[in-house]
N, C-alpha and C. Protein backbone atom coordinates (compact mmCIF):
# COMPACT_ATOMS: atom_id res chain seq x y z
N ASP A 1 0.84 -1.19 0.00
CA ASP A 1 0.00 0.00 0.00
C ASP A 1 0.88 1.25 0.00
N ARG A 2 0.39 2.29 -0.63
CA ARG A 2 1.06 3.58 -0.61
C ARG A 2 0.09 4.59 0.01
N ILE A 3 0.58 5.30 1.02
CA ILE A 3 -0.23 6.30 1.71
C ILE A 3 0.39 7.67 1.48
N LYS A 4 -0.40 8.60 0.98
CA LYS A 4 0.08 9.96 0.75
C LYS A 4 -0.20 10.81 1.97
N GLY A 5 0.76 11.69 2.31
CA GLY A 5 0.63 12.57 3.47
C GLY A 5 -0.28 13.73 3.20
N PRO A 6 -0.82 14.33 4.21
CA PRO A 6 -0.55 14.09 5.62
C PRO A 6 -1.32 12.87 6.13
N ALA A 7 -0.63 12.06 6.94
CA ALA A 7 -1.25 10.87 7.51
C ALA A 7 -0.47 10.43 8.74
N ILE A 8 -1.12 9.66 9.58
CA ILE A 8 -0.48 9.03 10.73
C ILE A 8 -0.71 7.54 10.62
N ILE A 9 0.38 6.77 10.69
CA ILE A 9 0.30 5.32 10.66
C ILE A 9 0.64 4.85 12.07
N ALA A 10 -0.28 4.17 12.73
CA ALA A 10 -0.05 3.75 14.11
C ALA A 10 -0.36 2.26 14.25
N ASP A 11 0.48 1.58 15.03
CA ASP A 11 0.18 0.21 15.42
C ASP A 11 0.54 0.07 16.90
N GLY A 12 0.66 -1.14 17.40
CA GLY A 12 0.89 -1.36 18.82
C GLY A 12 2.23 -0.89 19.34
N THR A 13 3.21 -0.68 18.46
CA THR A 13 4.56 -0.34 18.94
C THR A 13 5.13 0.96 18.38
N GLN A 14 4.45 1.60 17.45
CA GLN A 14 5.04 2.78 16.84
C GLN A 14 3.99 3.71 16.27
N THR A 15 4.40 4.94 16.06
CA THR A 15 3.57 5.94 15.39
C THR A 15 4.44 6.57 14.32
N ILE A 16 3.99 6.54 13.09
CA ILE A 16 4.74 7.12 11.98
C ILE A 16 3.91 8.26 11.41
N VAL A 17 4.54 9.43 11.30
CA VAL A 17 3.88 10.59 10.75
C VAL A 17 4.36 10.78 9.32
N VAL A 18 3.42 10.79 8.39
CA VAL A 18 3.73 11.04 6.99
C VAL A 18 3.35 12.50 6.73
N THR A 19 4.35 13.34 6.52
CA THR A 19 4.13 14.78 6.39
C THR A 19 3.49 15.11 5.03
N PRO A 20 2.86 16.29 4.94
CA PRO A 20 2.32 16.72 3.66
C PRO A 20 3.43 16.77 2.61
N GLY A 21 3.12 16.30 1.41
CA GLY A 21 4.11 16.30 0.34
C GLY A 21 4.97 15.05 0.35
N SER A 22 4.69 14.10 1.24
CA SER A 22 5.45 12.86 1.32
C SER A 22 4.50 11.69 1.15
N SER A 23 5.08 10.51 1.04
CA SER A 23 4.26 9.30 0.98
C SER A 23 4.98 8.17 1.69
N ALA A 24 4.21 7.19 2.10
CA ALA A 24 4.77 6.01 2.76
C ALA A 24 4.39 4.78 1.96
N LEU A 25 5.38 3.93 1.71
CA LEU A 25 5.15 2.66 1.03
C LEU A 25 5.20 1.58 2.09
N LEU A 26 4.09 0.88 2.28
CA LEU A 26 4.00 -0.17 3.30
C LEU A 26 4.25 -1.52 2.63
N ILE A 27 5.29 -2.21 3.10
CA ILE A 27 5.55 -3.58 2.65
C ILE A 27 5.50 -4.49 3.87
N ASP A 28 5.67 -5.77 3.70
CA ASP A 28 5.47 -6.72 4.80
C ASP A 28 6.21 -6.37 6.08
N THR A 29 7.48 -6.02 5.99
CA THR A 29 8.29 -5.82 7.19
C THR A 29 8.80 -4.40 7.35
N HIS A 30 8.53 -3.50 6.42
CA HIS A 30 9.11 -2.16 6.46
C HIS A 30 8.10 -1.11 6.02
N VAL A 31 8.38 0.12 6.42
CA VAL A 31 7.67 1.28 5.91
C VAL A 31 8.73 2.19 5.30
N ILE A 32 8.58 2.52 4.03
CA ILE A 32 9.54 3.37 3.35
C ILE A 32 8.89 4.73 3.14
N ILE A 33 9.54 5.77 3.69
CA ILE A 33 9.01 7.13 3.59
C ILE A 33 9.73 7.84 2.45
N ASN A 34 8.97 8.38 1.51
CA ASN A 34 9.51 9.19 0.42
C ASN A 34 9.13 10.63 0.70
N ILE A 35 10.13 11.47 0.95
CA ILE A 35 9.88 12.85 1.35
C ILE A 35 9.82 13.75 0.13
N GLY A 36 8.80 14.60 0.08
CA GLY A 36 8.70 15.63 -0.94
C GLY A 36 8.46 15.13 -2.34
N GLU A 37 7.62 14.11 -2.48
CA GLU A 37 7.42 13.62 -3.85
C GLU A 37 6.15 14.14 -4.50
N SER A 38 5.30 14.86 -3.77
CA SER A 38 4.11 15.44 -4.38
C SER A 38 4.48 16.69 -5.16
N GLU A 39 3.91 16.82 -6.35
CA GLU A 39 4.23 17.97 -7.18
C GLU A 39 3.43 19.18 -6.72
N GLY A 40 4.08 20.35 -6.81
CA GLY A 40 3.38 21.60 -6.56
C GLY A 40 3.06 21.88 -5.10
N GLN A 41 3.61 21.13 -4.19
CA GLN A 41 3.31 21.35 -2.78
C GLN A 41 4.57 21.78 -2.05
N ASP A 42 4.51 22.90 -1.37
CA ASP A 42 5.66 23.43 -0.64
C ASP A 42 5.80 22.67 0.67
N THR A 43 6.98 22.07 0.91
CA THR A 43 7.19 21.28 2.11
C THR A 43 7.99 22.02 3.17
N LYS A 44 8.29 23.31 2.96
CA LYS A 44 9.03 24.07 3.96
C LYS A 44 8.12 24.37 5.14
N VAL A 45 8.71 24.36 6.34
CA VAL A 45 7.96 24.59 7.55
C VAL A 45 8.21 26.01 8.03
N ASN A 46 7.15 26.70 8.34
CA ASN A 46 7.22 28.05 8.88
C ASN A 46 6.85 27.97 10.36
N ALA A 47 7.65 28.57 11.23
CA ALA A 47 7.41 28.48 12.67
C ALA A 47 6.04 29.02 13.06
N LYS A 48 5.51 29.95 12.29
CA LYS A 48 4.19 30.51 12.60
C LYS A 48 3.07 29.57 12.20
N GLU A 49 3.36 28.57 11.38
CA GLU A 49 2.34 27.65 10.90
C GLU A 49 2.50 26.25 11.46
N VAL A 50 3.18 26.10 12.59
CA VAL A 50 3.40 24.79 13.18
C VAL A 50 2.09 24.25 13.73
N ASP A 51 1.79 23.03 13.37
CA ASP A 51 0.58 22.36 13.84
C ASP A 51 0.81 21.87 15.27
N PRO A 52 0.03 22.32 16.23
CA PRO A 52 0.26 21.93 17.62
C PRO A 52 0.12 20.42 17.85
N ILE A 53 -0.71 19.76 17.07
CA ILE A 53 -0.86 18.31 17.21
C ILE A 53 0.41 17.60 16.74
N MET A 54 0.95 18.02 15.60
CA MET A 54 2.19 17.43 15.10
C MET A 54 3.33 17.72 16.07
N LEU A 55 3.38 18.92 16.61
CA LEU A 55 4.41 19.28 17.58
C LEU A 55 4.33 18.36 18.80
N SER A 56 3.14 18.12 19.29
CA SER A 56 2.95 17.23 20.44
C SER A 56 3.36 15.80 20.12
N ILE A 57 3.01 15.33 18.94
CA ILE A 57 3.38 13.96 18.53
C ILE A 57 4.89 13.81 18.50
N PHE A 58 5.57 14.75 17.86
CA PHE A 58 7.03 14.66 17.77
C PHE A 58 7.69 14.83 19.13
N ALA A 59 7.18 15.73 19.96
CA ALA A 59 7.75 15.93 21.30
C ALA A 59 7.66 14.64 22.11
N HIS A 60 6.53 13.97 22.05
CA HIS A 60 6.37 12.71 22.79
C HIS A 60 7.23 11.60 22.21
N ARG A 61 7.36 11.56 20.91
CA ARG A 61 8.20 10.51 20.30
C ARG A 61 9.67 10.73 20.66
N PHE A 62 10.14 11.99 20.60
CA PHE A 62 11.54 12.26 20.98
C PHE A 62 11.77 11.94 22.45
N MET A 63 10.81 12.27 23.31
CA MET A 63 10.94 11.96 24.72
C MET A 63 10.99 10.44 24.93
N ALA A 64 10.18 9.71 24.20
CA ALA A 64 10.18 8.25 24.31
C ALA A 64 11.53 7.67 23.88
N ILE A 65 12.15 8.23 22.87
CA ILE A 65 13.47 7.76 22.43
C ILE A 65 14.48 7.96 23.54
N ALA A 66 14.49 9.14 24.18
CA ALA A 66 15.43 9.41 25.26
C ALA A 66 15.19 8.46 26.44
N GLU A 67 13.94 8.18 26.75
CA GLU A 67 13.63 7.26 27.84
C GLU A 67 14.08 5.84 27.51
N GLN A 68 13.88 5.41 26.28
CA GLN A 68 14.31 4.07 25.86
C GLN A 68 15.83 3.96 25.87
N MET A 69 16.53 5.03 25.52
CA MET A 69 18.00 5.03 25.61
C MET A 69 18.42 4.75 27.05
N GLY A 70 17.76 5.40 28.00
CA GLY A 70 18.09 5.22 29.41
C GLY A 70 17.81 3.81 29.90
N ARG A 71 16.68 3.23 29.48
CA ARG A 71 16.38 1.85 29.88
C ARG A 71 17.39 0.88 29.32
N ALA A 72 17.79 1.09 28.06
CA ALA A 72 18.79 0.20 27.46
C ALA A 72 20.13 0.33 28.19
N LEU A 73 20.52 1.56 28.54
CA LEU A 73 21.77 1.78 29.26
C LEU A 73 21.73 1.10 30.63
N GLN A 74 20.64 1.26 31.34
CA GLN A 74 20.52 0.66 32.67
C GLN A 74 20.56 -0.87 32.60
N LYS A 75 19.85 -1.44 31.65
CA LYS A 75 19.78 -2.91 31.54
C LYS A 75 21.10 -3.54 31.11
N THR A 76 21.88 -2.84 30.32
CA THR A 76 23.12 -3.43 29.80
C THR A 76 24.36 -3.04 30.60
N SER A 77 24.20 -2.15 31.57
CA SER A 77 25.35 -1.66 32.33
C SER A 77 25.84 -2.67 33.36
N VAL A 78 27.14 -2.65 33.63
CA VAL A 78 27.71 -3.43 34.72
C VAL A 78 28.08 -2.52 35.89
N SER A 79 27.99 -1.22 35.71
CA SER A 79 28.34 -0.25 36.74
C SER A 79 27.21 -0.15 37.76
N THR A 80 27.55 -0.23 39.03
CA THR A 80 26.57 -0.04 40.10
C THR A 80 25.98 1.36 40.06
N ASN A 81 26.81 2.35 39.71
CA ASN A 81 26.32 3.74 39.63
C ASN A 81 25.22 3.88 38.59
N VAL A 82 25.34 3.16 37.51
CA VAL A 82 24.34 3.25 36.45
C VAL A 82 23.18 2.30 36.73
N LYS A 83 23.48 1.05 37.00
CA LYS A 83 22.46 0.02 37.13
C LYS A 83 21.55 0.22 38.35
N GLU A 84 22.13 0.59 39.50
CA GLU A 84 21.34 0.68 40.72
C GLU A 84 21.09 2.11 41.18
N ARG A 85 22.10 2.97 41.11
CA ARG A 85 21.94 4.35 41.56
C ARG A 85 21.29 5.23 40.50
N LEU A 86 21.23 4.73 39.26
CA LEU A 86 20.64 5.47 38.13
C LEU A 86 21.31 6.82 37.92
N ASP A 87 22.63 6.83 38.06
CA ASP A 87 23.43 8.05 37.93
C ASP A 87 23.84 8.24 36.47
N TYR A 88 22.89 8.62 35.63
CA TYR A 88 23.14 8.85 34.21
C TYR A 88 22.01 9.71 33.66
N SER A 89 22.22 10.24 32.47
CA SER A 89 21.20 11.00 31.77
C SER A 89 21.26 10.66 30.29
N CYS A 90 20.12 10.72 29.64
CA CYS A 90 20.05 10.50 28.19
C CYS A 90 19.21 11.61 27.58
N ALA A 91 19.66 12.08 26.42
CA ALA A 91 18.96 13.19 25.77
C ALA A 91 19.22 13.17 24.28
N LEU A 92 18.37 13.87 23.56
CA LEU A 92 18.55 14.10 22.12
C LEU A 92 18.87 15.57 21.92
N PHE A 93 19.86 15.84 21.08
CA PHE A 93 20.26 17.21 20.76
C PHE A 93 20.20 17.40 19.26
N ASP A 94 20.03 18.65 18.83
CA ASP A 94 20.09 18.93 17.41
C ASP A 94 21.55 19.01 16.97
N SER A 95 21.79 19.27 15.71
CA SER A 95 23.16 19.24 15.18
C SER A 95 24.05 20.34 15.74
N ASP A 96 23.45 21.36 16.34
CA ASP A 96 24.24 22.44 16.95
C ASP A 96 24.41 22.26 18.46
N GLY A 97 23.87 21.18 19.01
CA GLY A 97 23.99 20.92 20.44
C GLY A 97 22.84 21.47 21.27
N GLY A 98 21.79 21.92 20.63
CA GLY A 98 20.61 22.39 21.36
C GLY A 98 19.76 21.22 21.82
N LEU A 99 19.27 21.29 23.05
CA LEU A 99 18.48 20.20 23.62
C LEU A 99 17.14 20.07 22.90
N VAL A 100 16.83 18.85 22.45
CA VAL A 100 15.55 18.55 21.81
C VAL A 100 14.62 17.86 22.80
N ALA A 101 15.13 16.82 23.47
CA ALA A 101 14.33 16.07 24.45
C ALA A 101 15.27 15.41 25.44
N ASN A 102 14.87 15.39 26.70
CA ASN A 102 15.66 14.68 27.69
C ASN A 102 14.75 13.80 28.53
N ALA A 103 15.27 12.65 28.90
CA ALA A 103 14.53 11.75 29.77
C ALA A 103 14.74 12.20 31.21
N PRO A 104 13.76 11.96 32.07
CA PRO A 104 13.87 12.43 33.45
C PRO A 104 14.73 11.50 34.32
N HIS A 105 15.97 11.33 33.93
CA HIS A 105 16.87 10.49 34.72
C HIS A 105 17.52 11.32 35.81
N LEU A 106 18.68 11.87 35.56
CA LEU A 106 19.37 12.73 36.53
C LEU A 106 19.67 14.05 35.82
N PRO A 107 18.79 15.04 35.95
CA PRO A 107 18.90 16.25 35.13
C PRO A 107 20.15 17.10 35.37
N VAL A 108 20.90 16.86 36.44
CA VAL A 108 22.09 17.66 36.69
C VAL A 108 23.10 17.53 35.56
N HIS A 109 23.09 16.42 34.85
CA HIS A 109 24.04 16.20 33.77
C HIS A 109 23.71 17.01 32.51
N LEU A 110 22.47 17.40 32.34
CA LEU A 110 22.04 17.94 31.06
C LEU A 110 22.68 19.28 30.71
N GLY A 111 22.94 20.13 31.69
CA GLY A 111 23.60 21.39 31.40
C GLY A 111 25.00 21.18 30.87
N SER A 112 25.74 20.30 31.50
CA SER A 112 27.10 20.03 31.04
C SER A 112 27.09 19.20 29.76
N MET A 113 26.10 18.32 29.60
CA MET A 113 26.03 17.49 28.40
C MET A 113 25.82 18.37 27.16
N SER A 114 24.96 19.36 27.29
CA SER A 114 24.70 20.27 26.17
C SER A 114 25.96 21.00 25.75
N THR A 115 26.74 21.46 26.72
CA THR A 115 28.00 22.15 26.42
C THR A 115 28.97 21.21 25.73
N CYS A 116 29.04 19.97 26.19
CA CYS A 116 29.93 18.99 25.58
C CYS A 116 29.51 18.69 24.15
N VAL A 117 28.21 18.49 23.93
CA VAL A 117 27.72 18.20 22.57
C VAL A 117 27.99 19.39 21.65
N LYS A 118 27.77 20.61 22.14
CA LYS A 118 28.04 21.80 21.32
C LYS A 118 29.52 21.87 20.93
N LYS A 119 30.40 21.61 21.88
CA LYS A 119 31.84 21.66 21.60
C LYS A 119 32.23 20.58 20.59
N GLN A 120 31.71 19.37 20.79
CA GLN A 120 32.03 18.28 19.86
C GLN A 120 31.47 18.58 18.46
N ALA A 121 30.30 19.22 18.40
CA ALA A 121 29.72 19.59 17.11
C ALA A 121 30.63 20.58 16.38
N GLU A 122 31.22 21.53 17.14
CA GLU A 122 32.16 22.49 16.54
C GLU A 122 33.40 21.78 16.01
N ILE A 123 33.95 20.88 16.80
CA ILE A 123 35.19 20.21 16.43
C ILE A 123 35.00 19.26 15.25
N TRP A 124 33.92 18.49 15.26
CA TRP A 124 33.74 17.40 14.30
C TRP A 124 32.80 17.72 13.14
N ARG A 125 32.28 18.93 13.06
CA ARG A 125 31.30 19.26 12.01
C ARG A 125 31.83 18.89 10.63
N GLY A 126 31.04 18.10 9.91
CA GLY A 126 31.39 17.70 8.54
C GLY A 126 32.41 16.57 8.45
N LYS A 127 32.93 16.08 9.57
CA LYS A 127 33.95 15.04 9.54
C LYS A 127 33.42 13.66 9.93
N LEU A 128 32.20 13.60 10.46
CA LEU A 128 31.66 12.33 10.94
C LEU A 128 30.87 11.64 9.85
N LYS A 129 30.81 10.31 9.96
CA LYS A 129 30.02 9.52 9.02
C LYS A 129 29.17 8.53 9.81
N LYS A 130 28.25 7.91 9.14
CA LYS A 130 27.34 6.97 9.78
C LYS A 130 28.13 5.89 10.51
N GLY A 131 27.76 5.62 11.77
CA GLY A 131 28.43 4.61 12.57
C GLY A 131 29.47 5.15 13.53
N ASP A 132 29.87 6.43 13.37
CA ASP A 132 30.85 7.03 14.27
C ASP A 132 30.21 7.29 15.64
N VAL A 133 31.02 7.14 16.69
CA VAL A 133 30.59 7.42 18.05
C VAL A 133 31.70 8.23 18.72
N LEU A 134 31.34 9.30 19.41
CA LEU A 134 32.30 10.13 20.12
C LEU A 134 32.19 9.84 21.62
N VAL A 135 33.33 9.69 22.28
CA VAL A 135 33.37 9.50 23.73
C VAL A 135 34.25 10.60 24.30
N SER A 136 33.71 11.38 25.24
CA SER A 136 34.45 12.51 25.78
C SER A 136 34.42 12.49 27.30
N ASN A 137 35.57 12.77 27.91
CA ASN A 137 35.61 13.05 29.35
C ASN A 137 36.57 14.20 29.63
N HIS A 138 36.73 15.06 28.64
CA HIS A 138 37.63 16.20 28.76
C HIS A 138 37.04 17.22 29.74
N PRO A 139 37.77 17.58 30.80
CA PRO A 139 37.20 18.48 31.82
C PRO A 139 36.86 19.87 31.31
N MET A 140 37.54 20.35 30.26
CA MET A 140 37.21 21.67 29.73
C MET A 140 35.93 21.67 28.92
N TYR A 141 35.47 20.49 28.49
CA TYR A 141 34.23 20.41 27.73
C TYR A 141 33.07 20.06 28.64
N ARG A 142 33.23 20.30 29.90
CA ARG A 142 32.23 20.19 30.95
C ARG A 142 32.03 18.76 31.44
N GLY A 143 31.50 18.70 32.60
CA GLY A 143 31.19 17.48 33.31
C GLY A 143 30.88 17.90 34.74
N THR A 144 29.97 17.22 35.38
CA THR A 144 29.62 17.61 36.74
C THR A 144 30.70 17.16 37.72
N HIS A 145 31.42 16.12 37.37
CA HIS A 145 32.55 15.64 38.17
C HIS A 145 33.32 14.62 37.33
N LEU A 146 34.56 14.39 37.69
CA LEU A 146 35.32 13.36 36.99
C LEU A 146 35.05 12.04 37.67
N PRO A 147 34.96 10.95 37.07
CA PRO A 147 35.22 10.70 35.66
C PRO A 147 33.95 10.64 34.82
N ASP A 148 33.22 11.74 34.70
CA ASP A 148 32.05 11.76 33.82
C ASP A 148 32.46 11.44 32.40
N ILE A 149 31.66 10.64 31.73
CA ILE A 149 31.93 10.28 30.34
C ILE A 149 30.67 10.60 29.55
N THR A 150 30.83 11.31 28.46
CA THR A 150 29.71 11.63 27.56
C THR A 150 29.92 10.86 26.27
N VAL A 151 28.92 10.07 25.90
CA VAL A 151 28.95 9.31 24.66
C VAL A 151 27.96 9.96 23.70
N ILE A 152 28.44 10.33 22.52
CA ILE A 152 27.63 11.02 21.52
C ILE A 152 27.59 10.17 20.26
N THR A 153 26.39 9.83 19.85
CA THR A 153 26.21 9.06 18.62
C THR A 153 25.42 9.93 17.65
N PRO A 154 26.06 10.46 16.61
CA PRO A 154 25.33 11.30 15.67
C PRO A 154 24.38 10.47 14.81
N ALA A 155 23.28 11.09 14.42
CA ALA A 155 22.30 10.44 13.54
C ALA A 155 22.32 11.17 12.21
N PHE A 156 22.23 10.41 11.15
CA PHE A 156 22.25 10.98 9.80
C PHE A 156 20.98 10.59 9.08
N SER A 157 20.44 11.53 8.29
CA SER A 157 19.22 11.22 7.53
C SER A 157 19.57 10.69 6.17
């Protein structure tokens, strides 16, 4: 099936938003999103025309991603500080290091994490490729205490 946007595809485990000017191809095991394939339709977003429902959907989805990151970290960790004391934070940042969503783990880390992500974005802009992971514990790039470690995994579209 092919679904033309705007549309929302929801099942028991996910919500997929098909934006105006895009389409989704549904096959047995995958959903393929084709962005901007409708003719004559402007797909640029204007901040004054943001749909509050779409904003809420994306805000909740980004928050869910940050929370799932934290659960995965806690379940796979061998550190008592992470596994039992829950001394960690997970968040999503934009490409400039601006906070998009954070899970309610230990918010004290988020101020320093944002500074670290911003600094790493400055240093590595244009040099990273899919699969790269940055690990930082440099005291000048912030941290609430040593040996804080910030792991940054960039996402590419």
